[in-house]
Amino acid sequence: QVQLVESGGGLVQAGGSLRLSCAASGRTLSNHVMAWFRQAQGKEREFVAHVVWSGGRTYYTDAIKGRFTISRDNAKNAVYLQMNSLKPEDTAVYYCAAKIFSDSKYKYWGQGTQVTVSS
């Protein structure tokens, strides 16, 4: 089992920045992929970015490329999402998720943290 707890959400003006954190516990993450998803009100949950724990390879959805950066801290067992140049359309609940590298679906999810970007 992996427990995930997000933090760092809030209200920010367009053009501003926020840094989301996801603290992981319960087992080693060496063979896991960690990701951020988001769900805007009335819309389906969508993938934002992922990082492969071993090696640190990253992948981003096109909508946030160049503005968001995903990273991980091995010592703290944490994943971060640095969000810059925020836009009102980035408003959503952001979820941290984890899966074993070979799995097709994300098995572990955090409770989510609200990000609101005002225009």
N, C-alpha and C. Protein backbone atom coordinates (compact mmCIF):
# COMPACT_ATOMS: atom_id res chain seq x y z
N GLN A 1 0.83 -1.19 0.00
CA GLN A 1 0.00 0.00 0.00
C GLN A 1 0.87 1.25 0.00
N VAL A 2 0.40 2.26 -0.71
CA VAL A 2 1.06 3.56 -0.73
C VAL A 2 0.04 4.60 -0.32
N GLN A 3 0.39 5.40 0.66
CA GLN A 3 -0.48 6.51 1.07
C GLN A 3 0.09 7.80 0.51
N LEU A 4 -0.80 8.63 -0.03
CA LEU A 4 -0.39 9.88 -0.66
C LEU A 4 -1.17 11.04 -0.05
N VAL A 5 -0.45 12.10 0.31
CA VAL A 5 -1.09 13.28 0.88
C VAL A 5 -0.59 14.51 0.16
N GLU A 6 -1.51 15.22 -0.49
CA GLU A 6 -1.15 16.43 -1.22
C GLU A 6 -1.27 17.66 -0.33
N SER A 7 -0.53 18.68 -0.71
CA SER A 7 -0.63 19.98 -0.04
C SER A 7 -0.13 21.05 -1.00
N GLY A 8 -0.41 22.30 -0.67
CA GLY A 8 0.13 23.41 -1.44
C GLY A 8 -0.85 24.11 -2.35
N GLY A 9 -2.08 23.64 -2.42
CA GLY A 9 -3.05 24.31 -3.26
C GLY A 9 -3.47 25.65 -2.66
N GLY A 10 -4.24 26.40 -3.44
CA GLY A 10 -4.72 27.69 -2.94
C GLY A 10 -5.24 28.56 -4.06
N LEU A 11 -5.40 29.83 -3.73
CA LEU A 11 -5.92 30.83 -4.67
C LEU A 11 -4.76 31.71 -5.12
N VAL A 12 -4.63 31.89 -6.44
CA VAL A 12 -3.55 32.69 -6.99
C VAL A 12 -4.07 33.45 -8.19
N GLN A 13 -3.49 34.59 -8.45
CA GLN A 13 -3.88 35.37 -9.62
C GLN A 13 -3.22 34.79 -10.88
N ALA A 14 -3.85 35.04 -12.01
CA ALA A 14 -3.29 34.60 -13.28
C ALA A 14 -1.87 35.15 -13.42
N GLY A 15 -0.98 34.30 -13.91
CA GLY A 15 0.42 34.66 -14.03
C GLY A 15 1.26 34.30 -12.83
N GLY A 16 0.61 33.91 -11.75
CA GLY A 16 1.31 33.56 -10.53
C GLY A 16 1.80 32.13 -10.52
N SER A 17 2.34 31.74 -9.37
CA SER A 17 2.93 30.40 -9.22
C SER A 17 2.44 29.73 -7.95
N LEU A 18 2.42 28.42 -7.99
CA LEU A 18 2.15 27.59 -6.83
C LEU A 18 3.02 26.35 -6.92
N ARG A 19 3.33 25.77 -5.77
CA ARG A 19 4.07 24.53 -5.74
C ARG A 19 3.27 23.52 -4.94
N LEU A 20 2.86 22.45 -5.60
CA LEU A 20 2.15 21.38 -4.94
C LEU A 20 3.14 20.32 -4.45
N SER A 21 2.83 19.75 -3.31
CA SER A 21 3.64 18.68 -2.74
C SER A 21 2.79 17.45 -2.55
N CYS A 22 3.44 16.30 -2.66
CA CYS A 22 2.76 15.02 -2.43
C CYS A 22 3.71 14.17 -1.59
N ALA A 23 3.31 13.91 -0.36
CA ALA A 23 4.10 13.08 0.54
C ALA A 23 3.63 11.64 0.43
N ALA A 24 4.56 10.75 0.16
CA ALA A 24 4.23 9.33 -0.01
C ALA A 24 4.77 8.52 1.16
N SER A 25 4.00 7.51 1.56
CA SER A 25 4.44 6.62 2.64
C SER A 25 3.86 5.24 2.41
N GLY A 26 4.42 4.28 3.09
CA GLY A 26 3.88 2.93 3.06
C GLY A 26 4.76 1.90 2.41
N ARG A 27 5.49 2.27 1.40
CA ARG A 27 6.40 1.31 0.76
C ARG A 27 7.41 2.07 -0.09
N THR A 28 8.44 1.35 -0.49
CA THR A 28 9.43 1.96 -1.34
C THR A 28 8.85 2.31 -2.70
N LEU A 29 9.32 3.39 -3.26
CA LEU A 29 8.79 3.85 -4.54
C LEU A 29 9.73 3.59 -5.70
N SER A 30 10.77 2.79 -5.47
CA SER A 30 11.81 2.64 -6.46
C SER A 30 11.31 2.08 -7.79
N ASN A 31 10.23 1.31 -7.75
CA ASN A 31 9.69 0.73 -8.99
C ASN A 31 8.35 1.36 -9.36
N HIS A 32 8.15 2.59 -8.96
CA HIS A 32 6.87 3.27 -9.20
C HIS A 32 7.00 4.45 -10.16
N VAL A 33 5.86 4.82 -10.70
CA VAL A 33 5.70 6.06 -11.44
C VAL A 33 4.77 6.94 -10.62
N MET A 34 5.16 8.17 -10.43
CA MET A 34 4.34 9.14 -9.69
C MET A 34 3.80 10.17 -10.66
N ALA A 35 2.56 10.56 -10.46
CA ALA A 35 1.93 11.46 -11.42
C ALA A 35 1.05 12.48 -10.72
N TRP A 36 0.77 13.54 -11.47
CA TRP A 36 -0.25 14.51 -11.08
C TRP A 36 -1.35 14.47 -12.13
N PHE A 37 -2.58 14.46 -11.63
CA PHE A 37 -3.77 14.59 -12.46
C PHE A 37 -4.54 15.80 -11.95
N ARG A 38 -5.51 16.24 -12.75
CA ARG A 38 -6.37 17.33 -12.29
C ARG A 38 -7.78 17.13 -12.82
N GLN A 39 -8.72 17.67 -12.07
CA GLN A 39 -10.12 17.58 -12.47
C GLN A 39 -10.79 18.91 -12.23
N ALA A 40 -11.18 19.56 -13.31
CA ALA A 40 -11.92 20.81 -13.21
C ALA A 40 -13.40 20.49 -13.00
N GLN A 41 -14.11 21.43 -12.43
CA GLN A 41 -15.52 21.22 -12.14
C GLN A 41 -16.28 20.93 -13.43
N GLY A 42 -17.04 19.84 -13.42
CA GLY A 42 -17.83 19.47 -14.58
C GLY A 42 -17.07 18.78 -15.69
N LYS A 43 -15.79 18.51 -15.47
CA LYS A 43 -14.97 17.87 -16.50
C LYS A 43 -14.37 16.57 -15.97
N GLU A 44 -13.89 15.76 -16.89
CA GLU A 44 -13.25 14.52 -16.50
C GLU A 44 -11.84 14.79 -15.98
N ARG A 45 -11.38 13.88 -15.15
CA ARG A 45 -10.01 13.98 -14.65
C ARG A 45 -9.03 13.80 -15.80
N GLU A 46 -7.98 14.61 -15.81
CA GLU A 46 -7.01 14.53 -16.89
C GLU A 46 -5.58 14.44 -16.34
N PHE A 47 -4.76 13.78 -17.10
CA PHE A 47 -3.35 13.62 -16.76
C PHE A 47 -2.62 14.95 -16.94
N VAL A 48 -1.70 15.23 -16.01
CA VAL A 48 -0.90 16.46 -16.09
C VAL A 48 0.56 16.13 -16.38
N ALA A 49 1.15 15.29 -15.53
CA ALA A 49 2.58 14.99 -15.67
C ALA A 49 2.91 13.74 -14.87
N HIS A 50 4.00 13.07 -15.25
CA HIS A 50 4.49 11.97 -14.42
C HIS A 50 6.01 11.97 -14.34
N VAL A 51 6.51 11.32 -13.32
CA VAL A 51 7.95 11.12 -13.16
C VAL A 51 8.19 9.67 -12.77
N VAL A 52 9.13 9.05 -13.45
CA VAL A 52 9.52 7.69 -13.11
C VAL A 52 10.50 7.78 -11.95
N TRP A 53 10.14 7.14 -10.83
CA TRP A 53 10.93 7.34 -9.62
C TRP A 53 12.39 6.96 -9.82
N SER A 54 12.62 5.82 -10.43
CA SER A 54 13.98 5.39 -10.68
C SER A 54 14.48 6.00 -11.98
N GLY A 55 15.35 6.96 -11.89
CA GLY A 55 15.89 7.60 -13.08
C GLY A 55 15.38 9.00 -13.31
N GLY A 56 14.17 9.29 -12.87
CA GLY A 56 13.64 10.64 -12.92
C GLY A 56 13.09 11.11 -14.26
N ARG A 57 12.87 10.18 -15.19
CA ARG A 57 12.30 10.61 -16.47
C ARG A 57 10.93 11.23 -16.25
N THR A 58 10.65 12.29 -17.01
CA THR A 58 9.39 13.00 -16.86
C THR A 58 8.62 13.05 -18.17
N TYR A 59 7.33 13.28 -18.03
CA TYR A 59 6.46 13.43 -19.21
C TYR A 59 5.36 14.40 -18.84
N TYR A 60 4.99 15.27 -19.80
CA TYR A 60 3.99 16.30 -19.54
C TYR A 60 2.92 16.31 -20.62
N THR A 61 1.72 16.68 -20.21
CA THR A 61 0.70 16.90 -21.21
C THR A 61 0.98 18.24 -21.89
N ASP A 62 0.55 18.37 -23.13
CA ASP A 62 0.89 19.55 -23.92
C ASP A 62 0.40 20.86 -23.29
N ALA A 63 -0.74 20.81 -22.63
CA ALA A 63 -1.36 22.04 -22.11
C ALA A 63 -0.50 22.76 -21.08
N ILE A 64 0.40 22.05 -20.43
CA ILE A 64 1.19 22.66 -19.36
C ILE A 64 2.69 22.62 -19.64
N LYS A 65 3.10 22.14 -20.76
CA LYS A 65 4.53 22.09 -21.09
C LYS A 65 5.14 23.49 -21.06
N GLY A 66 6.30 23.58 -20.44
CA GLY A 66 6.99 24.86 -20.34
C GLY A 66 6.54 25.71 -19.17
N ARG A 67 5.43 25.33 -18.53
CA ARG A 67 4.94 26.10 -17.38
C ARG A 67 5.02 25.31 -16.08
N PHE A 68 4.80 24.01 -16.15
CA PHE A 68 4.82 23.16 -14.96
C PHE A 68 6.06 22.27 -14.98
N THR A 69 6.56 21.96 -13.80
CA THR A 69 7.69 21.05 -13.66
C THR A 69 7.41 20.05 -12.55
N ILE A 70 7.52 18.77 -12.87
CA ILE A 70 7.36 17.72 -11.87
C ILE A 70 8.75 17.27 -11.43
N SER A 71 8.88 17.00 -10.14
CA SER A 71 10.16 16.54 -9.61
C SER A 71 9.90 15.64 -8.42
N ARG A 72 10.96 14.90 -8.03
CA ARG A 72 10.82 14.05 -6.84
C ARG A 72 12.05 14.19 -5.97
N ASP A 73 11.82 13.90 -4.68
CA ASP A 73 12.89 13.96 -3.68
C ASP A 73 12.98 12.59 -3.04
N ASN A 74 14.03 11.88 -3.38
CA ASN A 74 14.18 10.51 -2.85
C ASN A 74 14.25 10.48 -1.34
N ALA A 75 14.97 11.43 -0.77
CA ALA A 75 15.17 11.43 0.68
C ALA A 75 13.88 11.69 1.44
N LYS A 76 13.02 12.51 0.86
CA LYS A 76 11.77 12.87 1.54
C LYS A 76 10.59 12.03 1.05
N ASN A 77 10.82 11.15 0.08
CA ASN A 77 9.72 10.36 -0.48
C ASN A 77 8.57 11.27 -0.92
N ALA A 78 8.91 12.30 -1.65
CA ALA A 78 7.92 13.30 -2.03
C ALA A 78 8.02 13.64 -3.51
N VAL A 79 6.91 14.06 -4.04
CA VAL A 79 6.83 14.51 -5.43
C VAL A 79 6.27 15.92 -5.41
N TYR A 80 6.74 16.74 -6.34
CA TYR A 80 6.33 18.13 -6.38
C TYR A 80 5.84 18.49 -7.78
N LEU A 81 4.99 19.50 -7.82
CA LEU A 81 4.57 20.07 -9.09
C LEU A 81 4.71 21.58 -8.97
N GLN A 82 5.73 22.11 -9.60
CA GLN A 82 5.93 23.56 -9.64
C GLN A 82 5.12 24.11 -10.80
N MET A 83 4.21 25.01 -10.49
CA MET A 83 3.31 25.55 -11.52
C MET A 83 3.56 27.05 -11.66
N ASN A 84 4.01 27.45 -12.82
CA ASN A 84 4.28 28.85 -13.10
C ASN A 84 3.37 29.36 -14.21
N SER A 85 3.29 30.66 -14.33
CA SER A 85 2.46 31.28 -15.38
C SER A 85 1.06 30.68 -15.39
N LEU A 86 0.48 30.60 -14.23
CA LEU A 86 -0.84 29.95 -14.10
C LEU A 86 -1.91 30.72 -14.85
N LYS A 87 -2.86 29.97 -15.38
CA LYS A 87 -3.97 30.52 -16.14
C LYS A 87 -5.28 30.11 -15.47
N PRO A 88 -6.34 30.88 -15.70
CA PRO A 88 -7.63 30.50 -15.10
C PRO A 88 -8.05 29.08 -15.48
N GLU A 89 -7.69 28.63 -16.66
CA GLU A 89 -8.06 27.27 -17.08
C GLU A 89 -7.27 26.19 -16.35
N ASP A 90 -6.29 26.57 -15.54
CA ASP A 90 -5.60 25.60 -14.69
C ASP A 90 -6.36 25.32 -13.40
N THR A 91 -7.44 26.06 -13.17
CA THR A 91 -8.24 25.85 -11.97
C THR A 91 -8.81 24.44 -11.95
N ALA A 92 -8.55 23.72 -10.87
CA ALA A 92 -8.98 22.32 -10.76
C ALA A 92 -8.58 21.78 -9.39
N VAL A 93 -9.08 20.60 -9.10
CA VAL A 93 -8.54 19.83 -7.98
C VAL A 93 -7.40 18.98 -8.53
N TYR A 94 -6.26 19.09 -7.91
CA TYR A 94 -5.07 18.37 -8.36
C TYR A 94 -4.83 17.16 -7.47
N TYR A 95 -4.63 16.01 -8.12
CA TYR A 95 -4.44 14.75 -7.41
C TYR A 95 -3.06 14.18 -7.69
N CYS A 96 -2.46 13.65 -6.65
CA CYS A 96 -1.23 12.88 -6.77
C CYS A 96 -1.62 11.41 -6.91
N ALA A 97 -0.89 10.69 -7.75
CA ALA A 97 -1.20 9.28 -7.97
C ALA A 97 0.09 8.48 -8.13
N ALA A 98 -0.01 7.18 -7.87
CA ALA A 98 1.16 6.32 -7.99
C ALA A 98 0.76 4.96 -8.54
N LYS A 99 1.68 4.38 -9.29
CA LYS A 99 1.47 3.02 -9.79
C LYS A 99 2.81 2.34 -9.94
N ILE A 100 2.78 1.04 -9.88
CA ILE A 100 3.98 0.28 -10.19
C ILE A 100 4.27 0.48 -11.68
N PHE A 101 5.54 0.56 -12.01
CA PHE A 101 5.97 0.91 -13.36
C PHE A 101 5.29 0.06 -14.42
N SER A 102 5.13 -1.22 -14.19
CA SER A 102 4.59 -2.14 -15.19
C SER A 102 3.07 -2.15 -15.26
N ASP A 103 2.41 -1.51 -14.31
CA ASP A 103 0.95 -1.48 -14.31
C ASP A 103 0.43 -0.47 -15.32
N SER A 104 -0.77 -0.71 -15.82
CA SER A 104 -1.35 0.21 -16.80
C SER A 104 -2.15 1.33 -16.14
N LYS A 105 -2.65 1.08 -14.95
CA LYS A 105 -3.48 2.08 -14.29
C LYS A 105 -2.87 2.51 -12.95
N TYR A 106 -3.19 3.73 -12.58
CA TYR A 106 -2.74 4.24 -11.29
C TYR A 106 -3.62 3.66 -10.19
N LYS A 107 -2.96 3.06 -9.20
CA LYS A 107 -3.69 2.35 -8.14
C LYS A 107 -3.89 3.20 -6.91
N TYR A 108 -2.93 4.07 -6.62
CA TYR A 108 -2.96 4.84 -5.38
C TYR A 108 -3.22 6.31 -5.70
N TRP A 109 -4.10 6.91 -4.88
CA TRP A 109 -4.49 8.30 -5.12
C TRP A 109 -4.52 9.06 -3.81
N GLY A 110 -4.17 10.35 -3.91
CA GLY A 110 -4.34 11.21 -2.76
C GLY A 110 -5.74 11.79 -2.74
N GLN A 111 -6.00 12.63 -1.75
CA GLN A 111 -7.33 13.17 -1.57
C GLN A 111 -7.59 14.42 -2.42
N GLY A 112 -6.52 14.98 -2.98
CA GLY A 112 -6.66 16.13 -3.85
C GLY A 112 -6.46 17.45 -3.12
N THR A 113 -6.01 18.45 -3.89
CA THR A 113 -5.85 19.79 -3.34
C THR A 113 -6.36 20.79 -4.38
N GLN A 114 -7.12 21.77 -3.94
CA GLN A 114 -7.77 22.71 -4.84
C GLN A 114 -6.79 23.80 -5.26
N VAL A 115 -6.75 24.05 -6.55
CA VAL A 115 -6.00 25.17 -7.11
C VAL A 115 -6.99 26.06 -7.85
N THR A 116 -7.04 27.32 -7.46
CA THR A 116 -7.94 28.27 -8.10
C THR A 116 -7.13 29.45 -8.63
N VAL A 117 -7.26 29.71 -9.93
CA VAL A 117 -6.53 30.81 -10.55
C VAL A 117 -7.53 31.87 -10.98
N SER A 118 -7.41 33.05 -10.43
CA SER A 118 -8.34 34.13 -10.75
C SER A 118 -7.80 34.98 -11.89
N SER A 119 -8.72 35.51 -12.68
CA SER A 119 -8.31 36.32 -13.85
C SER A 119 -8.17 37.78 -13.47
